[in-house]
PDB file of all heavy atoms in Angstrom:
ATOM      1  N   LYS A   1      -8.979 -35.445  -5.771  1.00  0.00           N
ATOM      2  CA  LYS A   1      -9.926 -34.479  -6.392  1.00  0.00           C
ATOM      3  C   LYS A   1      -9.318 -33.027  -6.123  1.00  0.00           C
ATOM      4  O   LYS A   1      -9.567 -32.801  -4.827  1.00  0.00           O
ATOM      5  CB  LYS A   1     -11.238 -34.733  -6.289  1.00  0.00           C
ATOM      6  CG  LYS A   1     -12.027 -33.885  -7.414  1.00  0.00           C
ATOM      7  CD  LYS A   1     -13.560 -34.364  -7.273  1.00  0.00           C
ATOM      8  CE  LYS A   1     -14.380 -33.464  -8.280  1.00  0.00           C
ATOM      9  NZ  LYS A   1     -15.727 -33.765  -8.256  1.00  0.00           N
ATOM     10  N   ILE A   2      -8.953 -32.166  -6.932  1.00  0.00           N
ATOM     11  CA  ILE A   2      -8.459 -30.841  -6.601  1.00  0.00           C
ATOM     12  C   ILE A   2      -9.390 -29.856  -7.359  1.00  0.00           C
ATOM     13  O   ILE A   2     -10.056 -29.107  -6.539  1.00  0.00           O
ATOM     14  CB  ILE A   2      -7.041 -30.623  -7.038  1.00  0.00           C
ATOM     15  CG1 ILE A   2      -6.127 -31.541  -6.085  1.00  0.00           C
ATOM     16  CG2 ILE A   2      -6.719 -29.110  -6.806  1.00  0.00           C
ATOM     17  CD1 ILE A   2      -4.701 -31.404  -6.491  1.00  0.00           C
ATOM     18  N   VAL A   3      -9.521 -29.970  -8.660  1.00  0.00           N
ATOM     19  CA  VAL A   3     -10.445 -29.045  -9.264  1.00  0.00           C
ATOM     20  C   VAL A   3     -11.841 -29.476  -9.151  1.00  0.00           C
ATOM     21  O   VAL A   3     -12.257 -30.717  -8.973  1.00  0.00           O
ATOM     22  CB  VAL A   3     -10.046 -29.091 -10.918  1.00  0.00           C
ATOM     23  CG1 VAL A   3     -11.070 -28.199 -11.658  1.00  0.00           C
ATOM     24  CG2 VAL A   3      -8.721 -28.495 -11.058  1.00  0.00           C
ATOM     25  N   PHE A   4     -12.819 -28.613  -8.909  1.00  0.00           N
ATOM     26  CA  PHE A   4     -14.085 -28.754  -8.595  1.00  0.00           C
ATOM     27  C   PHE A   4     -14.321 -29.345  -7.339  1.00  0.00           C
ATOM     28  O   PHE A   4     -15.223 -30.193  -6.984  1.00  0.00           O
ATOM     29  CB  PHE A   4     -14.904 -29.652  -9.681  1.00  0.00           C
ATOM     30  CG  PHE A   4     -14.758 -29.155 -11.099  1.00  0.00           C
ATOM     31  CD1 PHE A   4     -14.764 -29.956 -12.212  1.00  0.00           C
ATOM     32  CD2 PHE A   4     -14.563 -27.682 -11.330  1.00  0.00           C
ATOM     33  CE1 PHE A   4     -14.578 -29.418 -13.498  1.00  0.00           C
ATOM     34  CE2 PHE A   4     -14.526 -27.172 -12.671  1.00  0.00           C
ATOM     35  CZ  PHE A   4     -14.532 -28.097 -13.747  1.00  0.00           C
ATOM     36  N   ALA A   5     -13.471 -29.014  -6.378  1.00  0.00           N
ATOM     37  CA  ALA A   5     -13.470 -29.462  -5.071  1.00  0.00           C
ATOM     38  C   ALA A   5     -12.927 -28.447  -4.069  1.00  0.00           C
ATOM     39  O   ALA A   5     -12.263 -27.456  -4.654  1.00  0.00           O
ATOM     40  CB  ALA A   5     -12.781 -30.781  -4.803  1.00  0.00           C
ATOM     41  N   VAL A   6     -12.899 -28.670  -2.824  1.00  0.00           N
ATOM     42  CA  VAL A   6     -12.387 -27.625  -1.841  1.00  0.00           C
ATOM     43  C   VAL A   6     -10.875 -27.343  -2.010  1.00  0.00           C
ATOM     44  O   VAL A   6     -10.385 -26.230  -2.011  1.00  0.00           O
ATOM     45  CB  VAL A   6     -12.669 -28.113  -0.346  1.00  0.00           C
ATOM     46  CG1 VAL A   6     -12.093 -27.133   0.490  1.00  0.00           C
ATOM     47  CG2 VAL A   6     -14.185 -28.116  -0.208  1.00  0.00           C
ATOM     48  N   PRO A   7      -9.981 -28.374  -2.345  1.00  0.00           N
ATOM     49  CA  PRO A   7      -8.570 -28.077  -2.383  1.00  0.00           C
ATOM     50  C   PRO A   7      -8.297 -27.080  -3.566  1.00  0.00           C
ATOM     51  O   PRO A   7      -7.441 -26.265  -3.442  1.00  0.00           O
ATOM     52  CB  PRO A   7      -8.039 -29.430  -2.697  1.00  0.00           C
ATOM     53  CG  PRO A   7      -8.912 -30.485  -1.966  1.00  0.00           C
ATOM     54  CD  PRO A   7     -10.205 -29.875  -2.245  1.00  0.00           C
ATOM     55  N   GLY A   8      -9.077 -27.171  -4.620  1.00  0.00           N
ATOM     56  CA  GLY A   8      -8.746 -26.262  -5.843  1.00  0.00           C
ATOM     57  C   GLY A   8      -9.095 -24.873  -5.391  1.00  0.00           C
ATOM     58  O   GLY A   8      -8.525 -23.917  -5.718  1.00  0.00           O
ATOM     59  N   ILE A   9     -10.249 -24.751  -4.771  1.00  0.00           N
ATOM     60  CA  ILE A   9     -10.706 -23.391  -4.158  1.00  0.00           C
ATOM     61  C   ILE A   9      -9.700 -22.743  -3.213  1.00  0.00           C
ATOM     62  O   ILE A   9      -9.417 -21.632  -3.409  1.00  0.00           O
ATOM     63  CB  ILE A   9     -12.114 -23.479  -3.438  1.00  0.00           C
ATOM     64  CG1 ILE A   9     -13.148 -23.918  -4.486  1.00  0.00           C
ATOM     65  CG2 ILE A   9     -12.547 -22.125  -2.934  1.00  0.00           C
ATOM     66  CD1 ILE A   9     -14.538 -24.312  -3.801  1.00  0.00           C
ATOM     67  N   VAL A  10      -9.138 -23.606  -2.363  1.00  0.00           N
ATOM     68  CA  VAL A  10      -8.105 -23.067  -1.464  1.00  0.00           C
ATOM     69  C   VAL A  10      -6.821 -22.770  -2.205  1.00  0.00           C
ATOM     70  O   VAL A  10      -6.252 -21.580  -1.967  1.00  0.00           O
ATOM     71  CB  VAL A  10      -7.823 -24.235  -0.406  1.00  0.00           C
ATOM     72  CG1 VAL A  10      -6.590 -23.825   0.493  1.00  0.00           C
ATOM     73  CG2 VAL A  10      -8.934 -24.445   0.456  1.00  0.00           C
ATOM     74  N   LEU A  11      -6.392 -23.466  -3.135  1.00  0.00           N
ATOM     75  CA  LEU A  11      -5.202 -23.235  -3.893  1.00  0.00           C
ATOM     76  C   LEU A  11      -5.464 -21.849  -4.765  1.00  0.00           C
ATOM     77  O   LEU A  11      -4.526 -21.066  -4.791  1.00  0.00           O
ATOM     78  CB  LEU A  11      -4.899 -24.303  -4.832  1.00  0.00           C
ATOM     79  CG  LEU A  11      -4.294 -25.649  -4.226  1.00  0.00           C
ATOM     80  CD1 LEU A  11      -4.176 -26.698  -5.324  1.00  0.00           C
ATOM     81  CD2 LEU A  11      -2.938 -25.345  -3.527  1.00  0.00           C
ATOM     82  N   ALA A  12      -6.510 -21.684  -5.317  1.00  0.00           N
ATOM     83  CA  ALA A  12      -6.815 -20.510  -6.096  1.00  0.00           C
ATOM     84  C   ALA A  12      -6.777 -19.180  -5.212  1.00  0.00           C
ATOM     85  O   ALA A  12      -6.335 -18.192  -5.597  1.00  0.00           O
ATOM     86  CB  ALA A  12      -8.268 -20.678  -6.942  1.00  0.00           C
ATOM     87  N   THR A  13      -7.380 -19.458  -4.093  1.00  0.00           N
ATOM     88  CA  THR A  13      -7.628 -18.357  -3.020  1.00  0.00           C
ATOM     89  C   THR A  13      -6.209 -17.933  -2.536  1.00  0.00           C
ATOM     90  O   THR A  13      -5.836 -16.736  -2.390  1.00  0.00           O
ATOM     91  CB  THR A  13      -8.437 -18.656  -1.967  1.00  0.00           C
ATOM     92  OG1 THR A  13      -9.612 -18.944  -2.316  1.00  0.00           O
ATOM     93  CG2 THR A  13      -8.518 -17.498  -0.978  1.00  0.00           C
ATOM     94  N   ILE A  14      -5.379 -18.928  -2.227  1.00  0.00           N
ATOM     95  CA  ILE A  14      -3.962 -18.682  -1.852  1.00  0.00           C
ATOM     96  C   ILE A  14      -3.183 -17.894  -2.945  1.00  0.00           C
ATOM     97  O   ILE A  14      -2.459 -16.875  -2.460  1.00  0.00           O
ATOM     98  CB  ILE A  14      -3.196 -20.011  -1.467  1.00  0.00           C
ATOM     99  CG1 ILE A  14      -3.884 -20.558  -0.236  1.00  0.00           C
ATOM    100  CG2 ILE A  14      -1.759 -19.755  -1.285  1.00  0.00           C
ATOM    101  CD1 ILE A  14      -3.296 -21.978   0.142  1.00  0.00           C
ATOM    102  N   PHE A  15      -3.332 -18.313  -4.048  1.00  0.00           N
ATOM    103  CA  PHE A  15      -2.701 -17.651  -5.240  1.00  0.00           C
ATOM    104  C   PHE A  15      -3.004 -16.251  -5.252  1.00  0.00           C
ATOM    105  O   PHE A  15      -2.106 -15.202  -5.429  1.00  0.00           O
ATOM    106  CB  PHE A  15      -2.912 -18.315  -6.565  1.00  0.00           C
ATOM    107  CG  PHE A  15      -2.258 -17.664  -7.677  1.00  0.00           C
ATOM    108  CD1 PHE A  15      -0.963 -18.042  -8.002  1.00  0.00           C
ATOM    109  CD2 PHE A  15      -2.944 -16.825  -8.551  1.00  0.00           C
ATOM    110  CE1 PHE A  15      -0.338 -17.446  -9.087  1.00  0.00           C
ATOM    111  CE2 PHE A  15      -2.332 -16.171  -9.691  1.00  0.00           C
ATOM    112  CZ  PHE A  15      -0.965 -16.546  -9.867  1.00  0.00           C
ATOM    113  N   VAL A  16      -4.205 -15.804  -5.351  1.00  0.00           N
ATOM    114  CA  VAL A  16      -4.664 -14.454  -5.627  1.00  0.00           C
ATOM    115  C   VAL A  16      -4.418 -13.559  -4.339  1.00  0.00           C
ATOM    116  O   VAL A  16      -4.306 -12.248  -4.392  1.00  0.00           O
ATOM    117  CB  VAL A  16      -6.132 -14.351  -6.047  1.00  0.00           C
ATOM    118  CG1 VAL A  16      -6.437 -15.136  -7.309  1.00  0.00           C
ATOM    119  CG2 VAL A  16      -6.923 -14.869  -4.782  1.00  0.00           C
ATOM    120  N   THR A  17      -4.128 -14.277  -3.106  1.00  0.00           N
ATOM    121  CA  THR A  17      -4.003 -13.488  -2.024  1.00  0.00           C
ATOM    122  C   THR A  17      -2.501 -13.418  -1.473  1.00  0.00           C
ATOM    123  O   THR A  17      -2.203 -12.833  -0.463  1.00  0.00           O
ATOM    124  CB  THR A  17      -4.786 -13.935  -0.810  1.00  0.00           C
ATOM    125  OG1 THR A  17      -4.665 -15.287  -0.514  1.00  0.00           O
ATOM    126  CG2 THR A  17      -6.330 -13.638  -1.079  1.00  0.00           C
ATOM    127  N   VAL A  18      -1.647 -14.037  -2.306  1.00  0.00           N
ATOM    128  CA  VAL A  18      -0.155 -14.097  -1.932  1.00  0.00           C
ATOM    129  C   VAL A  18       0.432 -12.764  -1.600  1.00  0.00           C
ATOM    130  O   VAL A  18       1.177 -12.491  -0.643  1.00  0.00           O
ATOM    131  CB  VAL A  18       0.635 -14.897  -2.971  1.00  0.00           C
ATOM    132  CG1 VAL A  18       2.063 -14.491  -2.901  1.00  0.00           C
ATOM    133  CG2 VAL A  18       0.506 -16.340  -2.758  1.00  0.00           C
ATOM    134  N   PRO A  19       0.191 -11.631  -2.429  1.00  0.00           N
ATOM    135  CA  PRO A  19       0.904 -10.482  -2.253  1.00  0.00           C
ATOM    136  C   PRO A  19       0.672  -9.657  -1.098  1.00  0.00           C
ATOM    137  O   PRO A  19       1.417  -8.856  -0.686  1.00  0.00           O
ATOM    138  CB  PRO A  19       0.583  -9.700  -3.554  1.00  0.00           C
ATOM    139  CG  PRO A  19      -0.029 -10.646  -4.528  1.00  0.00           C
ATOM    140  CD  PRO A  19      -0.656 -11.633  -3.693  1.00  0.00           C
ATOM    141  N   PHE A  20      -0.530  -9.889  -0.494  1.00  0.00           N
ATOM    142  CA  PHE A  20      -1.090  -8.714   0.471  1.00  0.00           C
ATOM    143  C   PHE A  20      -0.209  -8.600   1.708  1.00  0.00           C
ATOM    144  O   PHE A  20       0.083  -7.500   2.137  1.00  0.00           O
ATOM    145  CB  PHE A  20      -2.585  -9.032   0.785  1.00  0.00           C
ATOM    146  CG  PHE A  20      -3.406  -8.806  -0.388  1.00  0.00           C
ATOM    147  CD1 PHE A  20      -3.855  -9.892  -1.150  1.00  0.00           C
ATOM    148  CD2 PHE A  20      -3.860  -7.534  -0.585  1.00  0.00           C
ATOM    149  CE1 PHE A  20      -4.657  -9.578  -2.219  1.00  0.00           C
ATOM    150  CE2 PHE A  20      -4.683  -7.259  -1.763  1.00  0.00           C
ATOM    151  CZ  PHE A  20      -5.141  -8.413  -2.534  1.00  0.00           C
ATOM    152  N   VAL A  21       0.170  -9.757   2.384  1.00  0.00           N
ATOM    153  CA  VAL A  21       0.986  -9.658   3.527  1.00  0.00           C
ATOM    154  C   VAL A  21       2.493  -9.220   3.224  1.00  0.00           C
ATOM    155  O   VAL A  21       2.970  -8.352   3.798  1.00  0.00           O
ATOM    156  CB  VAL A  21       1.018 -10.969   4.391  1.00  0.00           C
ATOM    157  CG1 VAL A  21       1.997 -11.016   5.529  1.00  0.00           C
ATOM    158  CG2 VAL A  21      -0.392 -11.326   4.840  1.00  0.00           C
ATOM    159  N   ALA A  22       3.044  -9.953   2.299  1.00  0.00           N
ATOM    160  CA  ALA A  22       4.330  -9.578   1.858  1.00  0.00           C
ATOM    161  C   ALA A  22       4.553  -8.134   1.371  1.00  0.00           C
ATOM    162  O   ALA A  22       5.508  -7.421   1.821  1.00  0.00           O
ATOM    163  CB  ALA A  22       4.856 -10.550   0.798  1.00  0.00           C
ATOM    164  N   ARG A  23       3.720  -7.754   0.650  1.00  0.00           N
ATOM    165  CA  ARG A  23       3.697  -6.362   0.076  1.00  0.00           C
ATOM    166  C   ARG A  23       3.673  -5.349   1.195  1.00  0.00           C
ATOM    167  O   ARG A  23       3.983  -4.173   0.960  1.00  0.00           O
ATOM    168  CB  ARG A  23       2.693  -6.123  -1.062  1.00  0.00           C
ATOM    169  CG  ARG A  23       3.316  -6.328  -2.468  1.00  0.00           C
ATOM    170  CD  ARG A  23       4.433  -5.351  -2.678  1.00  0.00           C
ATOM    171  NE  ARG A  23       5.383  -5.801  -3.681  1.00  0.00           N
ATOM    172  CZ  ARG A  23       6.613  -5.250  -3.699  1.00  0.00           C
ATOM    173  NH1 ARG A  23       7.082  -4.522  -2.734  1.00  0.00           N
ATOM    174  NH2 ARG A  23       7.490  -5.773  -4.736  1.00  0.00           N
ATOM    175  N   GLU A  24       2.897  -5.647   2.164  1.00  0.00           N
ATOM    176  CA  GLU A  24       2.776  -4.702   3.287  1.00  0.00           C
ATOM    177  C   GLU A  24       3.915  -4.637   4.210  1.00  0.00           C
ATOM    178  O   GLU A  24       4.298  -3.618   4.609  1.00  0.00           O
ATOM    179  CB  GLU A  24       1.547  -5.107   4.155  1.00  0.00           C
ATOM    180  CG  GLU A  24       1.147  -4.155   5.290  1.00  0.00           C
ATOM    181  CD  GLU A  24       0.645  -2.814   4.696  1.00  0.00           C
ATOM    182  OE1 GLU A  24       0.082  -2.702   3.649  1.00  0.00           O
ATOM    183  OE2 GLU A  24       0.824  -1.839   5.447  1.00  0.00           O
ATOM    184  N   LEU A  25       4.662  -5.788   4.236  1.00  0.00           N
ATOM    185  CA  LEU A  25       5.814  -5.814   5.155  1.00  0.00           C
ATOM    186  C   LEU A  25       7.086  -5.539   4.503  1.00  0.00           C
ATOM    187  O   LEU A  25       8.058  -4.947   5.220  1.00  0.00           O
ATOM    188  CB  LEU A  25       5.915  -7.268   5.860  1.00  0.00           C
ATOM    189  CG  LEU A  25       4.761  -7.770   6.711  1.00  0.00           C
ATOM    190  CD1 LEU A  25       4.986  -9.248   7.148  1.00  0.00           C
ATOM    191  CD2 LEU A  25       4.618  -6.712   7.776  1.00  0.00           C
ATOM    192  N   ILE A  26       7.292  -5.765   3.304  1.00  0.00           N
ATOM    193  CA  ILE A  26       8.642  -5.563   2.641  1.00  0.00           C
ATOM    194  C   ILE A  26       8.960  -4.037   2.804  1.00  0.00           C
ATOM    195  O   ILE A  26      10.226  -3.774   3.230  1.00  0.00           O
ATOM    196  CB  ILE A  26       8.599  -5.986   1.106  1.00  0.00           C
ATOM    197  CG1 ILE A  26       8.547  -7.558   1.004  1.00  0.00           C
ATOM    198  CG2 ILE A  26       9.831  -5.508   0.397  1.00  0.00           C
ATOM    199  CD1 ILE A  26       8.318  -7.996  -0.352  1.00  0.00           C
ATOM    200  N   PRO A  27       8.270  -3.054   2.304  1.00  0.00           N
ATOM    201  CA  PRO A  27       8.757  -1.715   2.471  1.00  0.00           C
ATOM    202  C   PRO A  27       8.933  -1.276   3.967  1.00  0.00           C
ATOM    203  O   PRO A  27       9.742  -0.512   4.327  1.00  0.00           O
ATOM    204  CB  PRO A  27       7.582  -0.856   1.857  1.00  0.00           C
ATOM    205  CG  PRO A  27       6.414  -1.752   1.853  1.00  0.00           C
ATOM    206  CD  PRO A  27       6.913  -3.080   1.725  1.00  0.00           C
ATOM    207  N   LEU A  28       8.050  -1.752   4.911  1.00  0.00           N
ATOM    208  CA  LEU A  28       8.101  -1.507   6.334  1.00  0.00           C
ATOM    209  C   LEU A  28       9.414  -1.999   6.771  1.00  0.00           C
ATOM    210  O   LEU A  28      10.194  -1.289   7.633  1.00  0.00           O
ATOM    211  CB  LEU A  28       6.990  -2.113   7.049  1.00  0.00           C
ATOM    212  CG  LEU A  28       6.980  -1.981   8.572  1.00  0.00           C
ATOM    213  CD1 LEU A  28       6.830  -0.486   8.979  1.00  0.00           C
ATOM    214  CD2 LEU A  28       5.792  -2.747   9.168  1.00  0.00           C
ATOM    215  N   MET A  29       9.859  -3.194   6.591  1.00  0.00           N
ATOM    216  CA  MET A  29      11.099  -3.866   7.083  1.00  0.00           C
ATOM    217  C   MET A  29      12.243  -3.035   6.426  1.00  0.00           C
ATOM    218  O   MET A  29      13.321  -2.843   7.103  1.00  0.00           O
ATOM    219  CB  MET A  29      11.126  -5.286   6.689  1.00  0.00           C
ATOM    220  CG  MET A  29      10.249  -6.193   7.657  1.00  0.00           C
ATOM    221  SD  MET A  29      10.541  -8.017   7.263  1.00  0.00           S
ATOM    222  CE  MET A  29       9.456  -8.722   8.571  1.00  0.00           C
ATOM    223  N   GLN A  30      12.143  -2.664   5.150  1.00  0.00           N
ATOM    224  CA  GLN A  30      13.288  -2.052   4.594  1.00  0.00           C
ATOM    225  C   GLN A  30      13.486  -0.719   5.199  1.00  0.00           C
ATOM    226  O   GLN A  30      14.558  -0.230   5.322  1.00  0.00           O
ATOM    227  CB  GLN A  30      13.021  -1.871   3.070  1.00  0.00           C
ATOM    228  CG  GLN A  30      13.143  -3.251   2.370  1.00  0.00           C
ATOM    229  CD  GLN A  30      12.782  -3.156   0.711  1.00  0.00           C
ATOM    230  OE1 GLN A  30      11.924  -2.268   0.497  1.00  0.00           O
ATOM    231  NE2 GLN A  30      13.360  -3.980  -0.050  1.00  0.00           N
ATOM    232  N   ALA A  31      12.377  -0.035   5.514  1.00  0.00           N
ATOM    233  CA  ALA A  31      12.438   1.278   6.132  1.00  0.00           C
ATOM    234  C   ALA A  31      13.069   1.288   7.515  1.00  0.00           C
ATOM    235  O   ALA A  31      13.869   2.087   7.987  1.00  0.00           O
ATOM    236  CB  ALA A  31      11.153   1.922   6.227  1.00  0.00           C
ATOM    237  N   GLN A  32      12.911   0.218   8.166  1.00  0.00           N
ATOM    238  CA  GLN A  32      13.295   0.056   9.553  1.00  0.00           C
ATOM    239  C   GLN A  32      14.860  -0.414   9.622  1.00  0.00           C
ATOM    240  O   GLN A  32      15.435  -0.017  10.684  1.00  0.00           O
ATOM    241  CB  GLN A  32      12.513  -1.067  10.352  1.00  0.00           C
ATOM    242  CG  GLN A  32      11.123  -0.591  10.537  1.00  0.00           C
ATOM    243  CD  GLN A  32      10.334  -1.692  11.260  1.00  0.00           C
ATOM    244  OE1 GLN A  32      10.678  -2.861  11.277  1.00  0.00           O
ATOM    245  NE2 GLN A  32       9.139  -1.363  11.875  1.00  0.00           N
ATOM    246  N   GLY A  33      15.341  -0.948   8.569  1.00  0.00           N
ATOM    247  CA  GLY A  33      16.708  -1.315   8.477  1.00  0.00           C
ATOM    248  C   GLY A  33      17.093  -2.489   9.351  1.00  0.00           C
ATOM    249  O   GLY A  33      16.124  -3.226   9.823  1.00  0.00           O
ATOM    250  N   LYS A  34      18.446  -2.698   9.553  1.00  0.00           N
ATOM    251  CA  LYS A  34      18.788  -3.969  10.344  1.00  0.00           C
ATOM    252  C   LYS A  34      19.550  -3.532  11.588  1.00  0.00           C
ATOM    253  O   LYS A  34      20.212  -4.462  12.195  1.00  0.00           O
ATOM    254  CB  LYS A  34      19.719  -4.736   9.357  1.00  0.00           C
ATOM    255  CG  LYS A  34      19.010  -5.228   8.086  1.00  0.00           C
ATOM    256  CD  LYS A  34      20.039  -6.130   7.336  1.00  0.00           C
ATOM    257  CE  LYS A  34      21.150  -5.373   6.726  1.00  0.00           C
ATOM    258  NZ  LYS A  34      21.954  -6.295   5.760  1.00  0.00           N
ATOM    259  N   ASN A  35      19.613  -2.300  11.927  1.00  0.00           N
ATOM    260  CA  ASN A  35      20.464  -1.840  13.194  1.00  0.00           C
ATOM    261  C   ASN A  35      19.992  -2.628  14.346  1.00  0.00           C
ATOM    262  O   ASN A  35      20.792  -3.162  15.165  1.00  0.00           O
ATOM    263  CB  ASN A  35      20.445  -0.438  13.252  1.00  0.00           C
ATOM    264  CG  ASN A  35      21.035   0.465  12.092  1.00  0.00           C
ATOM    265  OD1 ASN A  35      21.898  -0.327  11.407  1.00  0.00           O
ATOM    266  ND2 ASN A  35      20.596   1.551  11.991  1.00  0.00           N
TER     267      ASN A  35
END
């Protein structure tokens, strides 16, 4: 059981929060370069 259960809540929460870590790090890493 996924929907109407804890797994569905976790999946939905993961989906809506996906961008926050990546979007904070991508410009930071790009600005630092690879030297």
